[in-house]
């Protein structure tokens, strides 16, 4: 089976995600007198919660699936399955070992067990779908719809990274400023807040970046606007679902504000005018949009701290702070990674 660079990029990205979630806030490192043997031999009930066990299992399913699919290009199905499980166990043990030096984190033998179970389930899922005819058709469809260049897979990985960063419901639609006014409750009287045209501009540029990226990936470039609208719809549905699951009921639609709506309309109009650009003009437009977005989003606007929107969430676990911090980090990284993609693919634009 032909290996896909996209799977490798997604595997690397997801591994980094696990590292971020497992080791944040990356501060306060110190020796606490624990050994890995102490962690493995501690009573299971000492650090066990059902919520953490389920979450840790689910978190490693994509890792096991992506690794097994990647390994199948070099090994048999059974060997790929075994290696994926061993890798999940090794990664989990490494995270628990490093967490022993973080006072804010708790190392747990249950985490290793549930992470390994998640890796096993993911590898079994990959083993099951890899032989399916519909999986082969999806691969063939992707190869026919998008350009066949090595940089295209990196661009597709960036697209998925961008979409993942946008579904956080404590951020406005395509915005980067955390919703921090927890008093927007139903029937609560609030002072009027000035409409921020800068937030609308950031949303428009953010959407334009994605649209121009799609224009460099598709075989038929005029389909970029259609693809952008489809991506926008997927992000909106995912954002609504995550808001319904994570946020308090009165905060369900706070992410759908006037600044975001104006920015989306403006971004789609700008994308319409830029739909026929290619070559050097397209290259410099993307570079310029990404640069202006960076200055505006992280120089003019104040995105706040990851903990500033915690009052919106129904769940008060530390995972929510990590989730917000991850969204903020991905928003910062996307324009920079887009710049690397531009340099890589400049000759085919």
C-alpha atoms as a PDB file:
ATOM      1  CA  UNK A   1       0.000   0.000   0.000  1.00  0.00           C
ATOM      2  CA  UNK A   2       1.354   3.379  -1.021  1.00  0.00           C
ATOM      3  CA  UNK A   3       2.221   5.474   1.994  1.00  0.00           C
ATOM      4  CA  UNK A   4       0.787   8.961   2.244  1.00  0.00           C
ATOM      5  CA  UNK A   5       2.800  11.907   3.449  1.00  0.00           C
ATOM      6  CA  UNK A   6      -0.436  13.268   4.869  1.00  0.00           C
ATOM      7  CA  UNK A   7      -0.566  10.442   7.397  1.00  0.00           C
ATOM      8  CA  UNK A   8       2.990  11.163   8.491  1.00  0.00           C
ATOM      9  CA  UNK A   9       2.264  14.862   8.959  1.00  0.00           C
ATOM     10  CA  UNK A  10      -0.915  14.102  10.891  1.00  0.00           C
ATOM     11  CA  UNK A  11       0.937  11.550  13.021  1.00  0.00           C
ATOM     12  CA  UNK A  12       3.655  14.070  13.891  1.00  0.00           C
ATOM     13  CA  UNK A  13       1.067  16.758  14.612  1.00  0.00           C
ATOM     14  CA  UNK A  14      -0.997  14.462  16.823  1.00  0.00           C
ATOM     15  CA  UNK A  15       2.085  13.284  18.723  1.00  0.00           C
ATOM     16  CA  UNK A  16       2.987  16.916  19.409  1.00  0.00           C
ATOM     17  CA  UNK A  17      -0.600  17.485  20.553  1.00  0.00           C
ATOM     18  CA  UNK A  18      -0.233  14.639  23.062  1.00  0.00           C
ATOM     19  CA  UNK A  19       3.043  16.128  24.291  1.00  0.00           C
ATOM     20  CA  UNK A  20       1.394  19.535  24.716  1.00  0.00           C
ATOM     21  CA  UNK A  21      -1.653  18.243  26.562  1.00  0.00           C
ATOM     22  CA  UNK A  22       0.377  15.880  28.753  1.00  0.00           C
ATOM     23  CA  UNK A  23       3.106  18.320  29.796  1.00  0.00           C
ATOM     24  CA  UNK A  24       1.498  21.752  29.839  1.00  0.00           C
ATOM     25  CA  UNK A  25       1.973  24.211  31.502  1.00  0.00           C
ATOM     26  CA  UNK A  26       5.684  23.273  31.024  1.00  0.00           C
ATOM     27  CA  UNK A  27       6.730  25.068  34.206  1.00  0.00           C
ATOM     28  CA  UNK A  28       7.680  24.243  37.784  1.00  0.00           C
ATOM     29  CA  UNK A  29       9.830  21.234  36.946  1.00  0.00           C
ATOM     30  CA  UNK A  30      11.281  19.698  40.104  1.00  0.00           C
ATOM     31  CA  UNK A  31      12.226  16.384  41.689  1.00  0.00           C
ATOM     32  CA  UNK A  32       9.364  14.999  43.801  1.00  0.00           C
ATOM     33  CA  UNK A  33      10.993  11.834  45.103  1.00  0.00           C
ATOM     34  CA  UNK A  34       9.008   9.493  42.840  1.00  0.00           C
ATOM     35  CA  UNK A  35      10.216   6.730  40.586  1.00  0.00           C
ATOM     36  CA  UNK A  36       8.447   5.108  37.663  1.00  0.00           C
ATOM     37  CA  UNK A  37       8.321   1.910  39.715  1.00  0.00           C
ATOM     38  CA  UNK A  38       6.341   3.778  42.400  1.00  0.00           C
ATOM     39  CA  UNK A  39       3.881   4.926  39.762  1.00  0.00           C
ATOM     40  CA  UNK A  40       3.404   1.466  38.249  1.00  0.00           C
ATOM     41  CA  UNK A  41       2.942  -0.246  41.633  1.00  0.00           C
ATOM     42  CA  UNK A  42       0.631   2.325  43.247  1.00  0.00           C
ATOM     43  CA  UNK A  43      -2.965   1.230  43.985  1.00  0.00           C
ATOM     44  CA  UNK A  44      -5.184   1.689  40.945  1.00  0.00           C
ATOM     45  CA  UNK A  45      -7.812   3.607  42.879  1.00  0.00           C
ATOM     46  CA  UNK A  46      -5.299   6.170  44.135  1.00  0.00           C
ATOM     47  CA  UNK A  47      -5.284   8.273  40.976  1.00  0.00           C
ATOM     48  CA  UNK A  48      -8.232   6.756  39.120  1.00  0.00           C
ATOM     49  CA  UNK A  49     -11.322   8.605  37.871  1.00  0.00           C
ATOM     50  CA  UNK A  50     -13.711   7.255  35.265  1.00  0.00           C
ATOM     51  CA  UNK A  51     -13.646  10.551  33.358  1.00  0.00           C
ATOM     52  CA  UNK A  52      -9.849  10.556  33.045  1.00  0.00           C
ATOM     53  CA  UNK A  53      -9.768   6.879  32.080  1.00  0.00           C
ATOM     54  CA  UNK A  54     -12.263   7.317  29.241  1.00  0.00           C
ATOM     55  CA  UNK A  55     -10.612  10.526  28.031  1.00  0.00           C
ATOM     56  CA  UNK A  56      -7.133   8.986  28.057  1.00  0.00           C
ATOM     57  CA  UNK A  57      -8.358   5.971  26.102  1.00  0.00           C
ATOM     58  CA  UNK A  58     -10.072   8.123  23.473  1.00  0.00           C
ATOM     59  CA  UNK A  59      -7.033  10.417  23.176  1.00  0.00           C
ATOM     60  CA  UNK A  60      -4.747   7.599  21.996  1.00  0.00           C
ATOM     61  CA  UNK A  61      -7.120   6.060  19.445  1.00  0.00           C
ATOM     62  CA  UNK A  62      -6.121   8.523  16.652  1.00  0.00           C
ATOM     63  CA  UNK A  63      -2.443   8.012  17.526  1.00  0.00           C
ATOM     64  CA  UNK A  64      -2.728   4.221  17.207  1.00  0.00           C
ATOM     65  CA  UNK A  65      -4.723   4.478  13.977  1.00  0.00           C
ATOM     66  CA  UNK A  66      -2.399   6.966  12.275  1.00  0.00           C
ATOM     67  CA  UNK A  67       0.728   5.074  13.301  1.00  0.00           C
ATOM     68  CA  UNK A  68      -0.654   1.719  12.150  1.00  0.00           C
ATOM     69  CA  UNK A  69      -1.698   3.166   8.778  1.00  0.00           C
ATOM     70  CA  UNK A  70       1.739   4.742   8.348  1.00  0.00           C
ATOM     71  CA  UNK A  71       3.596   1.563   9.277  1.00  0.00           C
ATOM     72  CA  UNK A  72       1.582  -0.570   6.843  1.00  0.00           C
ATOM     73  CA  UNK A  73       3.641   0.846   3.986  1.00  0.00           C
ATOM     74  CA  UNK A  74       6.704  -0.963   5.388  1.00  0.00           C
ATOM     75  CA  UNK A  75       5.422  -3.891   7.446  1.00  0.00           C
ATOM     76  CA  UNK A  76       2.697  -6.506   7.428  1.00  0.00           C
ATOM     77  CA  UNK A  77      -0.668  -5.832   9.047  1.00  0.00           C
ATOM     78  CA  UNK A  78       0.169  -7.865  12.159  1.00  0.00           C
ATOM     79  CA  UNK A  79       3.597  -6.258  12.583  1.00  0.00           C
ATOM     80  CA  UNK A  80       2.122  -2.774  12.127  1.00  0.00           C
ATOM     81  CA  UNK A  81      -0.504  -3.578  14.743  1.00  0.00           C
ATOM     82  CA  UNK A  82       2.063  -4.781  17.300  1.00  0.00           C
ATOM     83  CA  UNK A  83       4.434  -1.860  16.674  1.00  0.00           C
ATOM     84  CA  UNK A  84       1.608   0.672  17.014  1.00  0.00           C
ATOM     85  CA  UNK A  85       0.558  -0.795  20.373  1.00  0.00           C
ATOM     86  CA  UNK A  86       4.154  -0.834  21.657  1.00  0.00           C
ATOM     87  CA  UNK A  87       4.647   2.762  20.499  1.00  0.00           C
ATOM     88  CA  UNK A  88       1.481   3.866  22.321  1.00  0.00           C
ATOM     89  CA  UNK A  89       2.718   2.182  25.497  1.00  0.00           C
ATOM     90  CA  UNK A  90       6.181   3.745  25.136  1.00  0.00           C
ATOM     91  CA  UNK A  91       4.744   7.230  24.531  1.00  0.00           C
ATOM     92  CA  UNK A  92       2.389   6.922  27.493  1.00  0.00           C
ATOM     93  CA  UNK A  93       5.174   5.695  29.802  1.00  0.00           C
ATOM     94  CA  UNK A  94       7.361   8.607  28.680  1.00  0.00           C
ATOM     95  CA  UNK A  95       4.599  11.106  29.465  1.00  0.00           C
ATOM     96  CA  UNK A  96       3.970   9.602  32.902  1.00  0.00           C
ATOM     97  CA  UNK A  97       7.709   9.660  33.638  1.00  0.00           C
ATOM     98  CA  UNK A  98       8.001  13.340  32.717  1.00  0.00           C
ATOM     99  CA  UNK A  99       4.854  14.197  34.685  1.00  0.00           C
ATOM    100  CA  UNK A 100       6.624  12.984  37.832  1.00  0.00           C
ATOM    101  CA  UNK A 101       8.629  16.229  37.652  1.00  0.00           C
ATOM    102  CA  UNK A 102       5.568  18.470  37.256  1.00  0.00           C
ATOM    103  CA  UNK A 103       3.872  19.231  40.604  1.00  0.00           C
ATOM    104  CA  UNK A 104       0.710  20.295  38.785  1.00  0.00           C
ATOM    105  CA  UNK A 105       0.362  16.872  37.080  1.00  0.00           C
ATOM    106  CA  UNK A 106      -0.229  13.397  38.502  1.00  0.00           C
ATOM    107  CA  UNK A 107       1.478  10.303  37.117  1.00  0.00           C
ATOM    108  CA  UNK A 108      -0.803   7.270  37.016  1.00  0.00           C
ATOM    109  CA  UNK A 109      -0.507   3.608  36.105  1.00  0.00           C
ATOM    110  CA  UNK A 110      -4.156   3.725  35.005  1.00  0.00           C
ATOM    111  CA  UNK A 111      -3.191   6.365  32.436  1.00  0.00           C
ATOM    112  CA  UNK A 112      -0.647   3.982  30.919  1.00  0.00           C
ATOM    113  CA  UNK A 113      -3.229   1.199  30.791  1.00  0.00           C
ATOM    114  CA  UNK A 114      -5.965   3.338  29.230  1.00  0.00           C
ATOM    115  CA  UNK A 115      -3.571   5.023  26.803  1.00  0.00           C
ATOM    116  CA  UNK A 116      -2.302   1.625  25.680  1.00  0.00           C
ATOM    117  CA  UNK A 117      -5.884   0.410  25.293  1.00  0.00           C
ATOM    118  CA  UNK A 118      -6.613   3.473  23.144  1.00  0.00           C
ATOM    119  CA  UNK A 119      -3.555   2.751  20.997  1.00  0.00           C
ATOM    120  CA  UNK A 120      -4.739  -0.857  20.592  1.00  0.00           C
ATOM    121  CA  UNK A 121      -8.241   0.215  19.579  1.00  0.00           C
ATOM    122  CA  UNK A 122      -6.832   2.744  17.108  1.00  0.00           C
ATOM    123  CA  UNK A 123      -4.496   0.182  15.553  1.00  0.00           C
ATOM    124  CA  UNK A 124      -7.365  -2.320  15.256  1.00  0.00           C
ATOM    125  CA  UNK A 125      -9.489   0.379  13.637  1.00  0.00           C
ATOM    126  CA  UNK A 126      -6.734   1.090  11.102  1.00  0.00           C
ATOM    127  CA  UNK A 127      -6.310  -2.631  10.423  1.00  0.00           C
ATOM    128  CA  UNK A 128     -10.062  -2.901   9.821  1.00  0.00           C
ATOM    129  CA  UNK A 129     -10.537   0.065   7.485  1.00  0.00           C
ATOM    130  CA  UNK A 130      -7.304  -0.233   5.476  1.00  0.00           C
ATOM    131  CA  UNK A 131      -8.619  -3.234   3.554  1.00  0.00           C
ATOM    132  CA  UNK A 132     -12.033  -1.691   2.872  1.00  0.00           C
ATOM    133  CA  UNK A 133     -12.942  -0.673  -0.666  1.00  0.00           C
ATOM    134  CA  UNK A 134     -14.380   2.662   0.476  1.00  0.00           C
ATOM    135  CA  UNK A 135     -11.050   3.580   2.082  1.00  0.00           C
ATOM    136  CA  UNK A 136      -9.268   3.019  -1.230  1.00  0.00           C
ATOM    137  CA  UNK A 137     -11.917   5.118  -2.988  1.00  0.00           C
ATOM    138  CA  UNK A 138     -11.354   7.984  -0.552  1.00  0.00           C
ATOM    139  CA  UNK A 139      -7.618   7.901  -1.289  1.00  0.00           C
ATOM    140  CA  UNK A 140      -8.297   7.852  -5.013  1.00  0.00           C
ATOM    141  CA  UNK A 141     -10.768  10.736  -4.683  1.00  0.00           C
ATOM    142  CA  UNK A 142      -8.216  12.809  -2.770  1.00  0.00           C
ATOM    143  CA  UNK A 143      -5.554  12.185  -5.399  1.00  0.00           C
ATOM    144  CA  UNK A 144      -7.967  13.247  -8.147  1.00  0.00           C
ATOM    145  CA  UNK A 145      -9.310  16.320  -6.371  1.00  0.00           C
ATOM    146  CA  UNK A 146      -6.029  17.790  -5.131  1.00  0.00           C
ATOM    147  CA  UNK A 147      -2.722  18.351  -6.887  1.00  0.00           C
ATOM    148  CA  UNK A 148      -0.195  15.522  -6.652  1.00  0.00           C
ATOM    149  CA  UNK A 149       2.828  17.274  -5.164  1.00  0.00           C
ATOM    150  CA  UNK A 150       4.686  16.488  -1.956  1.00  0.00           C
ATOM    151  CA  UNK A 151       3.903  19.927  -0.562  1.00  0.00           C
ATOM    152  CA  UNK A 152       0.147  19.397  -1.060  1.00  0.00           C
ATOM    153  CA  UNK A 153      -0.047  16.849   1.757  1.00  0.00           C
ATOM    154  CA  UNK A 154       1.603  19.382   4.052  1.00  0.00           C
ATOM    155  CA  UNK A 155      -0.977  21.941   2.950  1.00  0.00           C
ATOM    156  CA  UNK A 156      -3.815  19.500   3.667  1.00  0.00           C
ATOM    157  CA  UNK A 157      -2.381  18.849   7.120  1.00  0.00           C
ATOM    158  CA  UNK A 158      -2.324  22.629   7.679  1.00  0.00           C
ATOM    159  CA  UNK A 159      -5.980  22.779   6.647  1.00  0.00           C
ATOM    160  CA  UNK A 160      -6.952  20.187   9.250  1.00  0.00           C
ATOM    161  CA  UNK A 161      -4.804  21.973  11.837  1.00  0.00           C
ATOM    162  CA  UNK A 162      -6.598  25.254  11.088  1.00  0.00           C
ATOM    163  CA  UNK A 163     -10.009  23.595  11.362  1.00  0.00           C
ATOM    164  CA  UNK A 164      -9.102  22.008  14.693  1.00  0.00           C
ATOM    165  CA  UNK A 165      -7.985  25.374  16.080  1.00  0.00           C
ATOM    166  CA  UNK A 166     -11.291  27.007  15.085  1.00  0.00           C
ATOM    167  CA  UNK A 167     -13.727  24.683  16.886  1.00  0.00           C
ATOM    168  CA  UNK A 168     -12.992  26.007  20.380  1.00  0.00           C
ATOM    169  CA  UNK A 169     -16.369  27.492  21.462  1.00  0.00           C
ATOM    170  CA  UNK A 170     -14.750  30.010  23.820  1.00  0.00           C
ATOM    171  CA  UNK A 171     -13.423  31.841  20.746  1.00  0.00           C
ATOM    172  CA  UNK A 172     -15.692  33.766  18.339  1.00  0.00           C
ATOM    173  CA  UNK A 173     -16.234  32.168  14.935  1.00  0.00           C
ATOM    174  CA  UNK A 174     -12.802  32.349  13.208  1.00  0.00           C
ATOM    175  CA  UNK A 175     -11.672  34.847  15.857  1.00  0.00           C
ATOM    176  CA  UNK A 176      -8.705  34.741  18.195  1.00  0.00           C
ATOM    177  CA  UNK A 177      -9.969  36.819  21.160  1.00  0.00           C
ATOM    178  CA  UNK A 178     -11.296  34.691  24.010  1.00  0.00           C
ATOM    179  CA  UNK A 179     -14.857  35.400  25.114  1.00  0.00           C
ATOM    180  CA  UNK A 180     -14.226  36.531  28.686  1.00  0.00           C
ATOM    181  CA  UNK A 181     -17.374  38.372  29.742  1.00  0.00           C
ATOM    182  CA  UNK A 182     -19.065  35.587  31.675  1.00  0.00           C
ATOM    183  CA  UNK A 183     -21.973  37.858  32.593  1.00  0.00           C
ATOM    184  CA  UNK A 184     -23.645  37.568  29.174  1.00  0.00           C
ATOM    185  CA  UNK A 185     -26.396  35.559  30.786  1.00  0.00           C
ATOM    186  CA  UNK A 186     -30.000  35.535  29.688  1.00  0.00           C
ATOM    187  CA  UNK A 187     -31.985  38.454  31.099  1.00  0.00           C
ATOM    188  CA  UNK A 188     -28.825  40.049  32.542  1.00  0.00           C
ATOM    189  CA  UNK A 189     -28.507  43.789  31.861  1.00  0.00           C
ATOM    190  CA  UNK A 190     -25.135  44.555  30.310  1.00  0.00           C
ATOM    191  CA  UNK A 191     -23.445  47.793  29.310  1.00  0.00           C
ATOM    192  CA  UNK A 192     -23.137  48.178  25.580  1.00  0.00           C
ATOM    193  CA  UNK A 193     -19.780  47.218  24.139  1.00  0.00           C
ATOM    194  CA  UNK A 194     -18.276  49.032  21.197  1.00  0.00           C
ATOM    195  CA  UNK A 195     -18.233  47.115  17.923  1.00  0.00           C
ATOM    196  CA  UNK A 196     -14.621  46.126  17.147  1.00  0.00           C
ATOM    197  CA  UNK A 197     -13.823  46.515  13.462  1.00  0.00           C
ATOM    198  CA  UNK A 198     -10.359  45.122  14.170  1.00  0.00           C
ATOM    199  CA  UNK A 199     -11.851  41.805  15.275  1.00  0.00           C
ATOM    200  CA  UNK A 200     -13.867  41.693  12.054  1.00  0.00           C
ATOM    201  CA  UNK A 201     -10.697  42.397  10.069  1.00  0.00           C
ATOM    202  CA  UNK A 202      -8.879  39.550  11.840  1.00  0.00           C
ATOM    203  CA  UNK A 203     -11.728  37.155  11.038  1.00  0.00           C
ATOM    204  CA  UNK A 204     -11.743  38.247   7.374  1.00  0.00           C
ATOM    205  CA  UNK A 205      -7.980  37.752   7.035  1.00  0.00           C
ATOM    206  CA  UNK A 206      -8.135  34.410   8.836  1.00  0.00           C
ATOM    207  CA  UNK A 207     -10.780  33.173   6.401  1.00  0.00           C
ATOM    208  CA  UNK A 208      -8.905  34.612   3.433  1.00  0.00           C
ATOM    209  CA  UNK A 209      -5.740  32.754   4.466  1.00  0.00           C
ATOM    210  CA  UNK A 210      -7.616  29.465   4.379  1.00  0.00           C
ATOM    211  CA  UNK A 211      -9.291  30.263   1.053  1.00  0.00           C
ATOM    212  CA  UNK A 212      -5.995  31.169  -0.605  1.00  0.00           C
ATOM    213  CA  UNK A 213      -4.407  28.018   0.805  1.00  0.00           C
ATOM    214  CA  UNK A 214      -7.192  25.957  -0.775  1.00  0.00           C
ATOM    215  CA  UNK A 215      -6.538  27.759  -4.056  1.00  0.00           C
ATOM    216  CA  UNK A 216      -2.994  26.385  -4.051  1.00  0.00           C
ATOM    217  CA  UNK A 217      -4.113  22.811  -3.263  1.00  0.00           C
ATOM    218  CA  UNK A 218      -6.991  22.138  -5.653  1.00  0.00           C
ATOM    219  CA  UNK A 219      -6.549  20.911  -9.203  1.00  0.00           C
ATOM    220  CA  UNK A 220      -9.427  23.154 -10.293  1.00  0.00           C
ATOM    221  CA  UNK A 221      -8.720  26.461  -8.587  1.00  0.00           C
ATOM    222  CA  UNK A 222     -12.143  27.961  -9.229  1.00  0.00           C
ATOM    223  CA  UNK A 223     -13.517  25.400  -6.764  1.00  0.00           C
ATOM    224  CA  UNK A 224     -11.602  27.074  -3.916  1.00  0.00           C
ATOM    225  CA  UNK A 225     -14.581  29.221  -2.866  1.00  0.00           C
ATOM    226  CA  UNK A 226     -16.893  26.200  -2.799  1.00  0.00           C
ATOM    227  CA  UNK A 227     -14.327  24.295  -0.725  1.00  0.00           C
ATOM    228  CA  UNK A 228     -13.975  27.276   1.604  1.00  0.00           C
ATOM    229  CA  UNK A 229     -17.739  27.478   2.182  1.00  0.00           C
ATOM    230  CA  UNK A 230     -17.812  23.728   2.873  1.00  0.00           C
ATOM    231  CA  UNK A 231     -14.953  24.055   5.383  1.00  0.00           C
ATOM    232  CA  UNK A 232     -16.740  26.995   6.994  1.00  0.00           C
ATOM    233  CA  UNK A 233     -19.916  24.912   7.364  1.00  0.00           C
ATOM    234  CA  UNK A 234     -17.998  22.003   8.904  1.00  0.00           C
ATOM    235  CA  UNK A 235     -16.256  24.325  11.374  1.00  0.00           C
ATOM    236  CA  UNK A 236     -19.561  25.976  12.286  1.00  0.00           C
ATOM    237  CA  UNK A 237     -21.258  22.630  12.965  1.00  0.00           C
ATOM    238  CA  UNK A 238     -18.273  21.356  14.950  1.00  0.00           C
ATOM    239  CA  UNK A 239     -18.167  24.589  16.946  1.00  0.00           C
ATOM    240  CA  UNK A 240     -21.871  24.362  17.747  1.00  0.00           C
ATOM    241  CA  UNK A 241     -21.499  20.731  18.820  1.00  0.00           C
ATOM    242  CA  UNK A 242     -18.472  21.491  21.028  1.00  0.00           C
ATOM    243  CA  UNK A 243     -20.345  24.461  22.546  1.00  0.00           C
ATOM    244  CA  UNK A 244     -23.340  22.236  23.308  1.00  0.00           C
ATOM    245  CA  UNK A 245     -21.076  19.698  25.016  1.00  0.00           C
ATOM    246  CA  UNK A 246     -18.601  21.984  26.780  1.00  0.00           C
ATOM    247  CA  UNK A 247     -20.260  25.326  27.495  1.00  0.00           C
ATOM    248  CA  UNK A 248     -22.960  26.349  29.927  1.00  0.00           C
ATOM    249  CA  UNK A 249     -26.394  26.613  28.349  1.00  0.00           C
ATOM    250  CA  UNK A 250     -26.536  30.419  28.441  1.00  0.00           C
ATOM    251  CA  UNK A 251     -23.193  30.612  26.590  1.00  0.00           C
ATOM    252  CA  UNK A 252     -24.200  28.290  23.738  1.00  0.00           C
ATOM    253  CA  UNK A 253     -24.122  30.902  20.949  1.00  0.00           C
ATOM    254  CA  UNK A 254     -21.732  33.539  22.318  1.00  0.00           C
ATOM    255  CA  UNK A 255     -19.219  32.570  19.618  1.00  0.00           C
ATOM    256  CA  UNK A 256     -21.576  33.790  16.908  1.00  0.00           C
ATOM    257  CA  UNK A 257     -21.157  37.561  17.296  1.00  0.00           C
ATOM    258  CA  UNK A 258     -21.519  40.521  14.948  1.00  0.00           C
ATOM    259  CA  UNK A 259     -17.797  41.008  14.429  1.00  0.00           C
ATOM    260  CA  UNK A 260     -17.440  37.405  13.272  1.00  0.00           C
ATOM    261  CA  UNK A 261     -20.383  37.627  10.865  1.00  0.00           C
ATOM    262  CA  UNK A 262     -19.071  40.814   9.256  1.00  0.00           C
ATOM    263  CA  UNK A 263     -15.588  39.310   9.007  1.00  0.00           C
ATOM    264  CA  UNK A 264     -16.892  36.153   7.322  1.00  0.00           C
ATOM    265  CA  UNK A 265     -18.813  38.145   4.721  1.00  0.00           C
ATOM    266  CA  UNK A 266     -15.794  40.371   4.072  1.00  0.00           C
ATOM    267  CA  UNK A 267     -13.473  37.360   3.852  1.00  0.00           C
ATOM    268  CA  UNK A 268     -15.699  35.620   1.298  1.00  0.00           C
ATOM    269  CA  UNK A 269     -15.877  38.793  -0.808  1.00  0.00           C
ATOM    270  CA  UNK A 270     -12.099  39.187  -0.727  1.00  0.00           C
ATOM    271  CA  UNK A 271     -11.720  35.550  -1.705  1.00  0.00           C
ATOM    272  CA  UNK A 272     -14.038  36.111  -4.664  1.00  0.00           C
ATOM    273  CA  UNK A 273     -11.853  38.939  -5.977  1.00  0.00           C
ATOM    274  CA  UNK A 274      -8.684  36.864  -5.504  1.00  0.00           C
ATOM    275  CA  UNK A 275     -10.068  33.643  -7.035  1.00  0.00           C
ATOM    276  CA  UNK A 276      -8.149  33.926 -10.323  1.00  0.00           C
ATOM    277  CA  UNK A 277      -4.715  34.807  -8.929  1.00  0.00           C
ATOM    278  CA  UNK A 278      -1.800  32.450  -9.392  1.00  0.00           C
ATOM    279  CA  UNK A 279       1.972  32.415  -9.554  1.00  0.00           C
ATOM    280  CA  UNK A 280       3.953  35.206  -7.930  1.00  0.00           C
ATOM    281  CA  UNK A 281       0.893  37.374  -7.316  1.00  0.00           C
ATOM    282  CA  UNK A 282      -0.794  34.589  -5.361  1.00  0.00           C
ATOM    283  CA  UNK A 283       2.412  33.906  -3.430  1.00  0.00           C
ATOM    284  CA  UNK A 284       2.846  37.503  -2.328  1.00  0.00           C
ATOM    285  CA  UNK A 285      -0.837  37.937  -1.524  1.00  0.00           C
ATOM    286  CA  UNK A 286      -0.816  34.937   0.820  1.00  0.00           C
ATOM    287  CA  UNK A 287       2.431  36.112   2.422  1.00  0.00           C
ATOM    288  CA  UNK A 288       1.007  39.611   2.880  1.00  0.00           C
ATOM    289  CA  UNK A 289      -2.308  38.405   4.324  1.00  0.00           C
ATOM    290  CA  UNK A 290      -0.535  36.102   6.781  1.00  0.00           C
ATOM    291  CA  UNK A 291       1.816  38.894   7.881  1.00  0.00           C
ATOM    292  CA  UNK A 292      -0.972  41.431   8.390  1.00  0.00           C
ATOM    293  CA  UNK A 293      -3.026  38.841  10.260  1.00  0.00           C
ATOM    294  CA  UNK A 294      -0.119  38.136  12.618  1.00  0.00           C
ATOM    295  CA  UNK A 295       0.352  41.846  13.347  1.00  0.00           C
ATOM    296  CA  UNK A 296      -3.364  42.450  13.818  1.00  0.00           C
ATOM    297  CA  UNK A 297      -4.254  39.329  15.797  1.00  0.00           C
ATOM    298  CA  UNK A 298      -1.268  39.269  18.118  1.00  0.00           C
ATOM    299  CA  UNK A 299      -0.152  42.910  18.112  1.00  0.00           C
ATOM    300  CA  UNK A 300      -3.332  44.982  18.009  1.00  0.00           C
ATOM    301  CA  UNK A 301      -5.878  42.595  19.554  1.00  0.00           C
ATOM    302  CA  UNK A 302      -5.477  41.065  22.985  1.00  0.00           C
ATOM    303  CA  UNK A 303      -6.391  37.374  22.845  1.00  0.00           C
ATOM    304  CA  UNK A 304      -6.274  36.994  26.638  1.00  0.00           C
ATOM    305  CA  UNK A 305      -4.968  34.050  28.648  1.00  0.00           C
ATOM    306  CA  UNK A 306      -6.120  30.427  28.282  1.00  0.00           C
ATOM    307  CA  UNK A 307      -7.802  30.612  31.698  1.00  0.00           C
ATOM    308  CA  UNK A 308      -9.729  33.806  30.921  1.00  0.00           C
ATOM    309  CA  UNK A 309     -12.715  31.987  29.401  1.00  0.00           C
ATOM    310  CA  UNK A 310     -13.012  29.110  31.883  1.00  0.00           C
ATOM    311  CA  UNK A 311     -16.187  30.590  33.395  1.00  0.00           C
ATOM    312  CA  UNK A 312     -17.994  29.758  30.154  1.00  0.00           C
ATOM    313  CA  UNK A 313     -17.346  26.039  30.433  1.00  0.00           C
ATOM    314  CA  UNK A 314     -19.650  23.554  32.107  1.00  0.00           C
ATOM    315  CA  UNK A 315     -16.634  21.416  32.980  1.00  0.00           C
ATOM    316  CA  UNK A 316     -14.079  22.953  35.323  1.00  0.00           C
ATOM    317  CA  UNK A 317     -11.342  20.396  34.772  1.00  0.00           C
ATOM    318  CA  UNK A 318      -7.805  21.497  33.988  1.00  0.00           C
ATOM    319  CA  UNK A 319      -8.294  20.010  30.519  1.00  0.00           C
ATOM    320  CA  UNK A 320     -10.243  23.116  29.525  1.00  0.00           C
ATOM    321  CA  UNK A 321      -7.295  25.388  30.291  1.00  0.00           C
ATOM    322  CA  UNK A 322      -5.077  23.097  28.215  1.00  0.00           C
ATOM    323  CA  UNK A 323      -7.671  23.120  25.424  1.00  0.00           C
ATOM    324  CA  UNK A 324      -7.749  26.921  25.334  1.00  0.00           C
ATOM    325  CA  UNK A 325      -3.979  27.113  25.470  1.00  0.00           C
ATOM    326  CA  UNK A 326      -3.694  24.656  22.604  1.00  0.00           C
ATOM    327  CA  UNK A 327      -6.127  26.700  20.494  1.00  0.00           C
ATOM    328  CA  UNK A 328      -4.075  29.822  21.166  1.00  0.00           C
ATOM    329  CA  UNK A 329      -0.818  28.049  20.273  1.00  0.00           C
ATOM    330  CA  UNK A 330      -2.226  26.664  17.016  1.00  0.00           C
ATOM    331  CA  UNK A 331      -3.528  30.108  16.036  1.00  0.00           C
ATOM    332  CA  UNK A 332      -0.016  31.493  16.456  1.00  0.00           C
ATOM    333  CA  UNK A 333       1.642  28.602  14.635  1.00  0.00           C
ATOM    334  CA  UNK A 334      -0.657  28.460  11.611  1.00  0.00           C
ATOM    335  CA  UNK A 335       0.572  31.639   9.811  1.00  0.00           C
ATOM    336  CA  UNK A 336       4.175  30.603  10.469  1.00  0.00           C
ATOM    337  CA  UNK A 337       3.627  27.095   9.099  1.00  0.00           C
ATOM    338  CA  UNK A 338       1.758  28.627   6.168  1.00  0.00           C
ATOM    339  CA  UNK A 339       4.901  30.641   5.420  1.00  0.00           C
ATOM    340  CA  UNK A 340       6.973  27.448   5.338  1.00  0.00           C
ATOM    341  CA  UNK A 341       4.428  25.875   3.020  1.00  0.00           C
ATOM    342  CA  UNK A 342       4.636  28.889   0.686  1.00  0.00           C
ATOM    343  CA  UNK A 343       8.413  28.654   0.431  1.00  0.00           C
ATOM    344  CA  UNK A 344       8.158  24.923  -0.277  1.00  0.00           C
ATOM    345  CA  UNK A 345       5.462  25.189  -2.951  1.00  0.00           C
ATOM    346  CA  UNK A 346       6.370  28.540  -4.508  1.00  0.00           C
ATOM    347  CA  UNK A 347       7.538  27.071  -7.826  1.00  0.00           C
ATOM    348  CA  UNK A 348       4.217  25.334  -8.574  1.00  0.00           C
ATOM    349  CA  UNK A 349       1.928  28.226  -7.634  1.00  0.00           C
END
